[in-house]
Amino acid sequence: MKIKFLIVAIVLCMAACTATQHLRPVDADLAAAQQRIPGITMNDLQNGYKIYVMNCSACHRLHDPKEFTADKWKTILLEMFSKAKITDEKQKQLVTNFLISKSK
């Protein structure tokens, strides 16, 4: 019984990781991100992505950043940060920058 549960848990984790791979920042994203957010680094984008995946996917499916405009993301995040219990200002900025850099 425990083995079956472990296998199911591993499969679900792998499926969740695979489903978010298209959102992961790649080198080609950096130039576009720097046009919107001067000074942003690939490390910033990757950290914002990781925080987004780890915190937001716990409650709902992850939205593609291109689903919303930068202004709409800012409005959404005001509410979502408290629901996700993200209180650290640096983490908030990383998530915001990640989403805005890839927004429509």
PDB file of N, CA and C in Angstrom:
ATOM      1  N   MET A   1       0.822  -1.190   0.000  1.00  0.00           N
ATOM      2  CA  MET A   1       0.000   0.000   0.000  1.00  0.00           C
ATOM      3  C   MET A   1       0.870   1.260   0.000  1.00  0.00           C
ATOM      4  N   LYS A   2       1.900   1.276   0.859  1.00  0.00           N
ATOM      5  CA  LYS A   2       2.781   2.444   0.928  1.00  0.00           C
ATOM      6  C   LYS A   2       3.538   2.625  -0.377  1.00  0.00           C
ATOM      7  N   ILE A   3       3.932   1.547  -1.008  1.00  0.00           N
ATOM      8  CA  ILE A   3       4.666   1.614  -2.276  1.00  0.00           C
ATOM      9  C   ILE A   3       3.779   2.225  -3.358  1.00  0.00           C
ATOM     10  N   LYS A   4       2.522   1.805  -3.414  1.00  0.00           N
ATOM     11  CA  LYS A   4       1.596   2.350  -4.411  1.00  0.00           C
ATOM     12  C   LYS A   4       1.406   3.848  -4.202  1.00  0.00           C
ATOM     13  N   PHE A   5       1.259   4.258  -2.955  1.00  0.00           N
ATOM     14  CA  PHE A   5       1.103   5.684  -2.651  1.00  0.00           C
ATOM     15  C   PHE A   5       2.336   6.465  -3.079  1.00  0.00           C
ATOM     16  N   LEU A   6       3.505   5.936  -2.798  1.00  0.00           N
ATOM     17  CA  LEU A   6       4.759   6.587  -3.163  1.00  0.00           C
ATOM     18  C   LEU A   6       4.882   6.722  -4.683  1.00  0.00           C
ATOM     19  N   ILE A   7       4.539   5.681  -5.404  1.00  0.00           N
ATOM     20  CA  ILE A   7       4.604   5.726  -6.869  1.00  0.00           C
ATOM     21  C   ILE A   7       3.644   6.766  -7.420  1.00  0.00           C
ATOM     22  N   VAL A   8       2.428   6.801  -6.906  1.00  0.00           N
ATOM     23  CA  VAL A   8       1.449   7.791  -7.353  1.00  0.00           C
ATOM     24  C   VAL A   8       1.947   9.209  -7.059  1.00  0.00           C
ATOM     25  N   ALA A   9       2.506   9.423  -5.888  1.00  0.00           N
ATOM     26  CA  ALA A   9       3.021  10.743  -5.518  1.00  0.00           C
ATOM     27  C   ALA A   9       4.148  11.181  -6.448  1.00  0.00           C
ATOM     28  N   ILE A  10       5.032  10.263  -6.769  1.00  0.00           N
ATOM     29  CA  ILE A  10       6.148  10.583  -7.667  1.00  0.00           C
ATOM     30  C   ILE A  10       5.631  10.919  -9.063  1.00  0.00           C
ATOM     31  N   VAL A  11       4.698  10.152  -9.555  1.00  0.00           N
ATOM     32  CA  VAL A  11       4.136  10.403 -10.890  1.00  0.00           C
ATOM     33  C   VAL A  11       3.437  11.761 -10.928  1.00  0.00           C
ATOM     34  N   LEU A  12       2.673  12.086  -9.902  1.00  0.00           N
ATOM     35  CA  LEU A  12       1.995  13.378  -9.852  1.00  0.00           C
ATOM     36  C   LEU A  12       2.982  14.537  -9.808  1.00  0.00           C
ATOM     37  N   CYS A  13       4.041  14.400  -9.040  1.00  0.00           N
ATOM     38  CA  CYS A  13       5.067  15.448  -8.976  1.00  0.00           C
ATOM     39  C   CYS A  13       5.735  15.646 -10.328  1.00  0.00           C
ATOM     40  N   MET A  14       6.044  14.550 -10.991  1.00  0.00           N
ATOM     41  CA  MET A  14       6.683  14.646 -12.305  1.00  0.00           C
ATOM     42  C   MET A  14       5.750  15.296 -13.319  1.00  0.00           C
ATOM     43  N   ALA A  15       4.482  14.963 -13.258  1.00  0.00           N
ATOM     44  CA  ALA A  15       3.514  15.550 -14.180  1.00  0.00           C
ATOM     45  C   ALA A  15       3.378  17.048 -13.931  1.00  0.00           C
ATOM     46  N   ALA A  16       3.368  17.448 -12.679  1.00  0.00           N
ATOM     47  CA  ALA A  16       3.254  18.873 -12.351  1.00  0.00           C
ATOM     48  C   ALA A  16       4.467  19.650 -12.843  1.00  0.00           C
ATOM     49  N   CYS A  17       5.641  19.086 -12.679  1.00  0.00           N
ATOM     50  CA  CYS A  17       6.859  19.752 -13.143  1.00  0.00           C
ATOM     51  C   CYS A  17       6.873  19.880 -14.654  1.00  0.00           C
ATOM     52  N   THR A  18       6.450  18.835 -15.348  1.00  0.00           N
ATOM     53  CA  THR A  18       6.422  18.857 -16.806  1.00  0.00           C
ATOM     54  C   THR A  18       5.430  19.895 -17.313  1.00  0.00           C
ATOM     55  N   ALA A  19       4.319  20.055 -16.629  1.00  0.00           N
ATOM     56  CA  ALA A  19       3.279  20.979 -17.069  1.00  0.00           C
ATOM     57  C   ALA A  19       3.713  22.434 -16.998  1.00  0.00           C
ATOM     58  N   THR A  20       4.698  22.745 -16.187  1.00  0.00           N
ATOM     59  CA  THR A  20       5.138  24.141 -16.037  1.00  0.00           C
ATOM     60  C   THR A  20       6.415  24.452 -16.809  1.00  0.00           C
ATOM     61  N   GLN A  21       6.978  23.474 -17.489  1.00  0.00           N
ATOM     62  CA  GLN A  21       8.249  23.687 -18.178  1.00  0.00           C
ATOM     63  C   GLN A  21       8.167  24.783 -19.235  1.00  0.00           C
ATOM     64  N   HIS A  22       7.023  24.936 -19.895  1.00  0.00           N
ATOM     65  CA  HIS A  22       6.912  25.970 -20.926  1.00  0.00           C
ATOM     66  C   HIS A  22       6.961  27.381 -20.339  1.00  0.00           C
ATOM     67  N   LEU A  23       6.761  27.507 -19.038  1.00  0.00           N
ATOM     68  CA  LEU A  23       6.829  28.814 -18.382  1.00  0.00           C
ATOM     69  C   LEU A  23       8.241  29.173 -17.934  1.00  0.00           C
ATOM     70  N   ARG A  24       9.096  28.166 -17.805  1.00  0.00           N
ATOM     71  CA  ARG A  24      10.464  28.366 -17.301  1.00  0.00           C
ATOM     72  C   ARG A  24      11.204  29.343 -18.208  1.00  0.00           C
ATOM     73  N   PRO A  25      11.850  30.355 -17.612  1.00  0.00           N
ATOM     74  CA  PRO A  25      12.601  31.308 -18.433  1.00  0.00           C
ATOM     75  C   PRO A  25      13.811  30.658 -19.097  1.00  0.00           C
ATOM     76  N   VAL A  26      14.039  31.022 -20.341  1.00  0.00           N
ATOM     77  CA  VAL A  26      15.202  30.546 -21.088  1.00  0.00           C
ATOM     78  C   VAL A  26      15.997  31.771 -21.537  1.00  0.00           C
ATOM     79  N   ASP A  27      17.203  31.506 -22.005  1.00  0.00           N
ATOM     80  CA  ASP A  27      18.098  32.606 -22.395  1.00  0.00           C
ATOM     81  C   ASP A  27      17.433  33.573 -23.377  1.00  0.00           C
ATOM     82  N   ALA A  28      16.633  33.050 -24.283  1.00  0.00           N
ATOM     83  CA  ALA A  28      15.972  33.905 -25.279  1.00  0.00           C
ATOM     84  C   ALA A  28      14.984  34.887 -24.640  1.00  0.00           C
ATOM     85  N   ASP A  29      14.508  34.591 -23.442  1.00  0.00           N
ATOM     86  CA  ASP A  29      13.556  35.476 -22.749  1.00  0.00           C
ATOM     87  C   ASP A  29      14.234  36.697 -22.133  1.00  0.00           C
ATOM     88  N   LEU A  30      15.527  36.607 -21.890  1.00  0.00           N
ATOM     89  CA  LEU A  30      16.209  37.652 -21.133  1.00  0.00           C
ATOM     90  C   LEU A  30      16.194  39.005 -21.830  1.00  0.00           C
ATOM     91  N   ALA A  31      16.470  39.052 -23.120  1.00  0.00           N
ATOM     92  CA  ALA A  31      16.517  40.331 -23.841  1.00  0.00           C
ATOM     93  C   ALA A  31      15.158  41.031 -23.784  1.00  0.00           C
ATOM     94  N   ALA A  32      14.089  40.290 -24.003  1.00  0.00           N
ATOM     95  CA  ALA A  32      12.745  40.876 -23.942  1.00  0.00           C
ATOM     96  C   ALA A  32      12.426  41.349 -22.526  1.00  0.00           C
ATOM     97  N   ALA A  33      12.833  40.566 -21.535  1.00  0.00           N
ATOM     98  CA  ALA A  33      12.594  40.937 -20.135  1.00  0.00           C
ATOM     99  C   ALA A  33      13.339  42.220 -19.791  1.00  0.00           C
ATOM    100  N   GLN A  34      14.561  42.369 -20.285  1.00  0.00           N
ATOM    101  CA  GLN A  34      15.357  43.563 -19.982  1.00  0.00           C
ATOM    102  C   GLN A  34      14.795  44.813 -20.651  1.00  0.00           C
ATOM    103  N   GLN A  35      14.048  44.652 -21.727  1.00  0.00           N
ATOM    104  CA  GLN A  35      13.384  45.808 -22.337  1.00  0.00           C
ATOM    105  C   GLN A  35      12.263  46.311 -21.448  1.00  0.00           C
ATOM    106  N   ARG A  36      11.578  45.404 -20.791  1.00  0.00           N
ATOM    107  CA  ARG A  36      10.474  45.783 -19.899  1.00  0.00           C
ATOM    108  C   ARG A  36      10.966  46.165 -18.511  1.00  0.00           C
ATOM    109  N   ILE A  37      11.995  45.456 -18.042  1.00  0.00           N
ATOM    110  CA  ILE A  37      12.507  45.673 -16.685  1.00  0.00           C
ATOM    111  C   ILE A  37      14.026  45.790 -16.783  1.00  0.00           C
ATOM    112  N   PRO A  38      14.525  46.999 -17.023  1.00  0.00           N
ATOM    113  CA  PRO A  38      15.979  47.168 -17.169  1.00  0.00           C
ATOM    114  C   PRO A  38      16.726  46.651 -15.933  1.00  0.00           C
ATOM    115  N   GLY A  39      17.811  45.941 -16.200  1.00  0.00           N
ATOM    116  CA  GLY A  39      18.636  45.434 -15.113  1.00  0.00           C
ATOM    117  C   GLY A  39      18.253  44.066 -14.604  1.00  0.00           C
ATOM    118  N   ILE A  40      17.141  43.514 -15.062  1.00  0.00           N
ATOM    119  CA  ILE A  40      16.744  42.181 -14.602  1.00  0.00           C
ATOM    120  C   ILE A  40      17.753  41.160 -15.134  1.00  0.00           C
ATOM    121  N   THR A  41      18.021  40.143 -14.343  1.00  0.00           N
ATOM    122  CA  THR A  41      18.980  39.109 -14.724  1.00  0.00           C
ATOM    123  C   THR A  41      18.261  37.778 -14.937  1.00  0.00           C
ATOM    124  N   MET A  42      18.958  36.854 -15.560  1.00  0.00           N
ATOM    125  CA  MET A  42      18.396  35.512 -15.738  1.00  0.00           C
ATOM    126  C   MET A  42      18.153  34.871 -14.371  1.00  0.00           C
ATOM    127  N   ASN A  43      19.032  35.119 -13.428  1.00  0.00           N
ATOM    128  CA  ASN A  43      18.855  34.596 -12.074  1.00  0.00           C
ATOM    129  C   ASN A  43      17.562  35.143 -11.453  1.00  0.00           C
ATOM    130  N   ASP A  44      17.284  36.426 -11.655  1.00  0.00           N
ATOM    131  CA  ASP A  44      16.038  37.020 -11.155  1.00  0.00           C
ATOM    132  C   ASP A  44      14.827  36.327 -11.772  1.00  0.00           C
ATOM    133  N   LEU A  45      14.858  36.133 -13.091  1.00  0.00           N
ATOM    134  CA  LEU A  45      13.741  35.471 -13.776  1.00  0.00           C
ATOM    135  C   LEU A  45      13.537  34.050 -13.255  1.00  0.00           C
ATOM    136  N   GLN A  46      14.628  33.319 -13.102  1.00  0.00           N
ATOM    137  CA  GLN A  46      14.522  31.940 -12.626  1.00  0.00           C
ATOM    138  C   GLN A  46      14.008  31.872 -11.194  1.00  0.00           C
ATOM    139  N   ASN A  47      14.478  32.777 -10.341  1.00  0.00           N
ATOM    140  CA  ASN A  47      13.989  32.790  -8.953  1.00  0.00           C
ATOM    141  C   ASN A  47      12.523  33.182  -8.890  1.00  0.00           C
ATOM    142  N   GLY A  48      12.102  34.151  -9.695  1.00  0.00           N
ATOM    143  CA  GLY A  48      10.693  34.531  -9.747  1.00  0.00           C
ATOM    144  C   GLY A  48       9.825  33.379 -10.214  1.00  0.00           C
ATOM    145  N   TYR A  49      10.302  32.657 -11.218  1.00  0.00           N
ATOM    146  CA  TYR A  49       9.592  31.480 -11.721  1.00  0.00           C
ATOM    147  C   TYR A  49       9.440  30.428 -10.618  1.00  0.00           C
ATOM    148  N   LYS A  50      10.515  30.140  -9.918  1.00  0.00           N
ATOM    149  CA  LYS A  50      10.487  29.118  -8.862  1.00  0.00           C
ATOM    150  C   LYS A  50       9.503  29.483  -7.752  1.00  0.00           C
ATOM    151  N   ILE A  51       9.522  30.729  -7.331  1.00  0.00           N
ATOM    152  CA  ILE A  51       8.603  31.177  -6.278  1.00  0.00           C
ATOM    153  C   ILE A  51       7.160  31.083  -6.779  1.00  0.00           C
ATOM    154  N   TYR A  52       6.948  31.501  -8.017  1.00  0.00           N
ATOM    155  CA  TYR A  52       5.610  31.432  -8.631  1.00  0.00           C
ATOM    156  C   TYR A  52       5.105  29.993  -8.638  1.00  0.00           C
ATOM    157  N   VAL A  53       5.918  29.071  -9.112  1.00  0.00           N
ATOM    158  CA  VAL A  53       5.511  27.670  -9.200  1.00  0.00           C
ATOM    159  C   VAL A  53       5.262  27.089  -7.807  1.00  0.00           C
ATOM    160  N   MET A  54       6.189  27.305  -6.889  1.00  0.00           N
ATOM    161  CA  MET A  54       6.083  26.691  -5.564  1.00  0.00           C
ATOM    162  C   MET A  54       4.896  27.227  -4.757  1.00  0.00           C
ATOM    163  N   ASN A  55       4.591  28.488  -4.875  1.00  0.00           N
ATOM    164  CA  ASN A  55       3.545  29.072  -4.045  1.00  0.00           C
ATOM    165  C   ASN A  55       2.171  29.084  -4.705  1.00  0.00           C
ATOM    166  N   CYS A  56       2.122  29.379  -5.970  1.00  0.00           N
ATOM    167  CA  CYS A  56       0.828  29.574  -6.622  1.00  0.00           C
ATOM    168  C   CYS A  56       0.167  28.269  -7.056  1.00  0.00           C
ATOM    169  N   SER A  57       0.976  27.280  -7.411  1.00  0.00           N
ATOM    170  CA  SER A  57       0.400  26.018  -7.865  1.00  0.00           C
ATOM    171  C   SER A  57      -0.192  25.197  -6.728  1.00  0.00           C
ATOM    172  N   ALA A  58       0.049  25.612  -5.497  1.00  0.00           N
ATOM    173  CA  ALA A  58      -0.519  24.892  -4.357  1.00  0.00           C
ATOM    174  C   ALA A  58      -2.044  25.034  -4.311  1.00  0.00           C
ATOM    175  N   CYS A  59      -2.570  26.134  -4.875  1.00  0.00           N
ATOM    176  CA  CYS A  59      -4.013  26.384  -4.802  1.00  0.00           C
ATOM    177  C   CYS A  59      -4.736  26.288  -6.150  1.00  0.00           C
ATOM    178  N   HIS A  60      -4.047  26.548  -7.230  1.00  0.00           N
ATOM    179  CA  HIS A  60      -4.713  26.544  -8.533  1.00  0.00           C
ATOM    180  C   HIS A  60      -3.704  26.292  -9.640  1.00  0.00           C
ATOM    181  N   ARG A  61      -4.218  26.068 -10.836  1.00  0.00           N
ATOM    182  CA  ARG A  61      -3.324  25.883 -11.980  1.00  0.00           C
ATOM    183  C   ARG A  61      -2.570  27.177 -12.216  1.00  0.00           C
ATOM    184  N   LEU A  62      -1.383  27.049 -12.737  1.00  0.00           N
ATOM    185  CA  LEU A  62      -0.589  28.240 -13.011  1.00  0.00           C
ATOM    186  C   LEU A  62      -1.058  28.885 -14.303  1.00  0.00           C
ATOM    187  N   HIS A  63      -1.182  30.182 -14.251  1.00  0.00           N
ATOM    188  CA  HIS A  63      -1.555  30.935 -15.442  1.00  0.00           C
ATOM    189  C   HIS A  63      -0.304  31.219 -16.258  1.00  0.00           C
ATOM    190  N   ASP A  64      -0.454  31.162 -17.559  1.00  0.00           N
ATOM    191  CA  ASP A  64       0.628  31.578 -18.434  1.00  0.00           C
ATOM    192  C   ASP A  64       0.743  33.092 -18.275  1.00  0.00           C
ATOM    193  N   PRO A  65       1.937  33.616 -18.073  1.00  0.00           N
ATOM    194  CA  PRO A  65       2.088  35.064 -17.901  1.00  0.00           C
ATOM    195  C   PRO A  65       1.468  35.877 -19.039  1.00  0.00           C
ATOM    196  N   LYS A  66       1.385  35.289 -20.231  1.00  0.00           N
ATOM    197  CA  LYS A  66       0.827  35.986 -21.387  1.00  0.00           C
ATOM    198  C   LYS A  66      -0.697  36.097 -21.344  1.00  0.00           C
ATOM    199  N   GLU A  67      -1.323  35.474 -20.350  1.00  0.00           N
ATOM    200  CA  GLU A  67      -2.781  35.566 -20.231  1.00  0.00           C
ATOM    201  C   GLU A  67      -3.236  36.972 -19.854  1.00  0.00           C
ATOM    202  N   PHE A  68      -2.353  37.740 -19.179  1.00  0.00           N
ATOM    203  CA  PHE A  68      -2.741  39.045 -18.675  1.00  0.00           C
ATOM    204  C   PHE A  68      -1.712  40.111 -19.045  1.00  0.00           C
ATOM    205  N   THR A  69      -2.155  41.345 -19.012  1.00  0.00           N
ATOM    206  CA  THR A  69      -1.245  42.467 -19.216  1.00  0.00           C
ATOM    207  C   THR A  69      -0.458  42.712 -17.929  1.00  0.00           C
ATOM    208  N   ALA A  70       0.584  43.531 -18.030  1.00  0.00           N
ATOM    209  CA  ALA A  70       1.384  43.868 -16.851  1.00  0.00           C
ATOM    210  C   ALA A  70       0.515  44.525 -15.781  1.00  0.00           C
ATOM    211  N   ASP A  71      -0.364  45.442 -16.176  1.00  0.00           N
ATOM    212  CA  ASP A  71      -1.231  46.121 -15.202  1.00  0.00           C
ATOM    213  C   ASP A  71      -2.194  45.143 -14.531  1.00  0.00           C
ATOM    214  N   LYS A  72      -2.724  44.211 -15.299  1.00  0.00           N
ATOM    215  CA  LYS A  72      -3.640  43.230 -14.727  1.00  0.00           C
ATOM    216  C   LYS A  72      -2.903  42.323 -13.733  1.00  0.00           C
ATOM    217  N   TRP A  73      -1.667  41.927 -14.072  1.00  0.00           N
ATOM    218  CA  TRP A  73      -0.886  41.115 -13.142  1.00  0.00           C
ATOM    219  C   TRP A  73      -0.668  41.848 -11.824  1.00  0.00           C
ATOM    220  N   LYS A  74      -0.370  43.130 -11.907  1.00  0.00           N
ATOM    221  CA  LYS A  74      -0.136  43.904 -10.675  1.00  0.00           C
ATOM    222  C   LYS A  74      -1.378  43.878  -9.792  1.00  0.00           C
ATOM    223  N   THR A  75      -2.542  44.008 -10.391  1.00  0.00           N
ATOM    224  CA  THR A  75      -3.801  43.971  -9.636  1.00  0.00           C
ATOM    225  C   THR A  75      -4.034  42.588  -9.029  1.00  0.00           C
ATOM    226  N   ILE A  76      -3.823  41.565  -9.814  1.00  0.00           N
ATOM    227  CA  ILE A  76      -4.021  40.187  -9.344  1.00  0.00           C
ATOM    228  C   ILE A  76      -3.073  39.881  -8.185  1.00  0.00           C
ATOM    229  N   LEU A  77      -1.817  40.272  -8.344  1.00  0.00           N
ATOM    230  CA  LEU A  77      -0.814  39.929  -7.336  1.00  0.00           C
ATOM    231  C   LEU A  77      -1.053  40.614  -5.998  1.00  0.00           C
ATOM    232  N   LEU A  78      -1.659  41.779  -6.009  1.00  0.00           N
ATOM    233  CA  LEU A  78      -1.978  42.440  -4.739  1.00  0.00           C
ATOM    234  C   LEU A  78      -2.802  41.524  -3.839  1.00  0.00           C
ATOM    235  N   GLU A  79      -3.750  40.830  -4.427  1.00  0.00           N
ATOM    236  CA  GLU A  79      -4.599  39.910  -3.662  1.00  0.00           C
ATOM    237  C   GLU A  79      -3.918  38.565  -3.436  1.00  0.00           C
ATOM    238  N   MET A  80      -3.247  38.065  -4.454  1.00  0.00           N
ATOM    239  CA  MET A  80      -2.691  36.713  -4.388  1.00  0.00           C
ATOM    240  C   MET A  80      -1.508  36.576  -3.432  1.00  0.00           C
ATOM    241  N   PHE A  81      -0.700  37.603  -3.286  1.00  0.00           N
ATOM    242  CA  PHE A  81       0.431  37.498  -2.370  1.00  0.00           C
ATOM    243  C   PHE A  81      -0.025  37.179  -0.954  1.00  0.00           C
ATOM    244  N   SER A  82      -1.098  37.814  -0.510  1.00  0.00           N
ATOM    245  CA  SER A  82      -1.567  37.530   0.847  1.00  0.00           C
ATOM    246  C   SER A  82      -2.145  36.123   0.942  1.00  0.00           C
ATOM    247  N   LYS A  83      -2.859  35.676  -0.093  1.00  0.00           N
ATOM    248  CA  LYS A  83      -3.414  34.318  -0.076  1.00  0.00           C
ATOM    249  C   LYS A  83      -2.308  33.269  -0.090  1.00  0.00           C
ATOM    250  N   ALA A  84      -1.230  33.553  -0.809  1.00  0.00           N
ATOM    251  CA  ALA A  84      -0.107  32.614  -0.890  1.00  0.00           C
ATOM    252  C   ALA A  84       0.867  32.785   0.270  1.00  0.00           C
ATOM    253  N   LYS A  85       0.579  33.746   1.116  1.00  0.00           N
ATOM    254  CA  LYS A  85       1.419  34.038   2.283  1.00  0.00           C
ATOM    255  C   LYS A  85       2.857  34.404   1.889  1.00  0.00           C
ATOM    256  N   ILE A  86       2.958  35.156   0.801  1.00  0.00           N
ATOM    257  CA  ILE A  86       4.256  35.693   0.382  1.00  0.00           C
ATOM    258  C   ILE A  86       4.336  37.099   0.962  1.00  0.00           C
ATOM    259  N   THR A  87       5.158  37.262   1.981  1.00  0.00           N
ATOM    260  CA  THR A  87       5.262  38.558   2.659  1.00  0.00           C
ATOM    261  C   THR A  87       6.599  39.241   2.409  1.00  0.00           C
ATOM    262  N   ASP A  88       7.595  38.478   1.995  1.00  0.00           N
ATOM    263  CA  ASP A  88       8.919  39.029   1.746  1.00  0.00           C
ATOM    264  C   ASP A  88       8.881  39.912   0.493  1.00  0.00           C
ATOM    265  N   GLU A  89       9.294  41.161   0.638  1.00  0.00           N
ATOM    266  CA  GLU A  89       9.224  42.124  -0.463  1.00  0.00           C
ATOM    267  C   GLU A  89      10.098  41.713  -1.645  1.00  0.00           C
ATOM    268  N   LYS A  90      11.244  41.121  -1.381  1.00  0.00           N
ATOM    269  CA  LYS A  90      12.137  40.676  -2.460  1.00  0.00           C
ATOM    270  C   LYS A  90      11.464  39.567  -3.267  1.00  0.00           C
ATOM    271  N   GLN A  91      10.812  38.630  -2.576  1.00  0.00           N
ATOM    272  CA  GLN A  91      10.108  37.552  -3.280  1.00  0.00           C
ATOM    273  C   GLN A  91       8.942  38.107  -4.096  1.00  0.00           C
ATOM    274  N   LYS A  92       8.216  39.045  -3.527  1.00  0.00           N
ATOM    275  CA  LYS A  92       7.114  39.671  -4.265  1.00  0.00           C
ATOM    276  C   LYS A  92       7.628  40.321  -5.550  1.00  0.00           C
ATOM    277  N   GLN A  93       8.745  41.018  -5.440  1.00  0.00           N
ATOM    278  CA  GLN A  93       9.300  41.704  -6.610  1.00  0.00           C
ATOM    279  C   GLN A  93       9.775  40.699  -7.657  1.00  0.00           C
ATOM    280  N   LEU A  94      10.388  39.606  -7.233  1.00  0.00           N
ATOM    281  CA  LEU A  94      10.850  38.588  -8.175  1.00  0.00           C
ATOM    282  C   LEU A  94       9.684  37.977  -8.952  1.00  0.00           C
ATOM    283  N   VAL A  95       8.611  37.632  -8.257  1.00  0.00           N
ATOM    284  CA  VAL A  95       7.437  37.057  -8.920  1.00  0.00           C
ATOM    285  C   VAL A  95       6.818  38.080  -9.865  1.00  0.00           C
ATOM    286  N   THR A  96       6.654  39.299  -9.382  1.00  0.00           N
ATOM    287  CA  THR A  96       6.067  40.355 -10.201  1.00  0.00           C
ATOM    288  C   THR A  96       6.889  40.570 -11.462  1.00  0.00           C
ATOM    289  N   ASN A  97       8.198  40.677 -11.312  1.00  0.00           N
ATOM    290  CA  ASN A  97       9.059  40.903 -12.469  1.00  0.00           C
ATOM    291  C   ASN A  97       9.013  39.740 -13.447  1.00  0.00           C
ATOM    292  N   PHE A  98       8.996  38.516 -12.928  1.00  0.00           N
ATOM    293  CA  PHE A  98       8.902  37.344 -13.805  1.00  0.00           C
ATOM    294  C   PHE A  98       7.627  37.404 -14.636  1.00  0.00           C
ATOM    295  N   LEU A  99       6.501  37.634 -13.973  1.00  0.00           N
ATOM    296  CA  LEU A  99       5.216  37.636 -14.688  1.00  0.00           C
ATOM    297  C   LEU A  99       5.095  38.819 -15.653  1.00  0.00           C
ATOM    298  N   ILE A 100       5.529  39.978 -15.220  1.00  0.00           N
ATOM    299  CA  ILE A 100       5.429  41.163 -16.080  1.00  0.00           C
ATOM    300  C   ILE A 100       6.369  41.031 -17.289  1.00  0.00           C
ATOM    301  N   SER A 101       7.526  40.447 -17.081  1.00  0.00           N
ATOM    302  CA  SER A 101       8.477  40.326 -18.187  1.00  0.00           C
ATOM    303  C   SER A 101       7.947  39.441 -19.308  1.00  0.00           C
ATOM    304  N   LYS A 102       7.016  38.547 -18.973  1.00  0.00           N
ATOM    305  CA  LYS A 102       6.466  37.632 -19.983  1.00  0.00           C
ATOM    306  C   LYS A 102       4.991  37.907 -20.274  1.00  0.00           C
ATOM    307  N   SER A 103       4.460  39.011 -19.753  1.00  0.00           N
ATOM    308  CA  SER A 103       3.047  39.322 -19.933  1.00  0.00           C
ATOM    309  C   SER A 103       2.763  39.809 -21.361  1.00  0.00           C
ATOM    310  N   LYS A 104       1.457  39.900 -21.674  1.00  0.00           N
ATOM    311  CA  LYS A 104       1.119  40.386 -23.023  1.00  0.00           C
ATOM    312  C   LYS A 104       1.092  41.888 -23.061  1.00  0.00           C
TER     313      LYS A 104
END
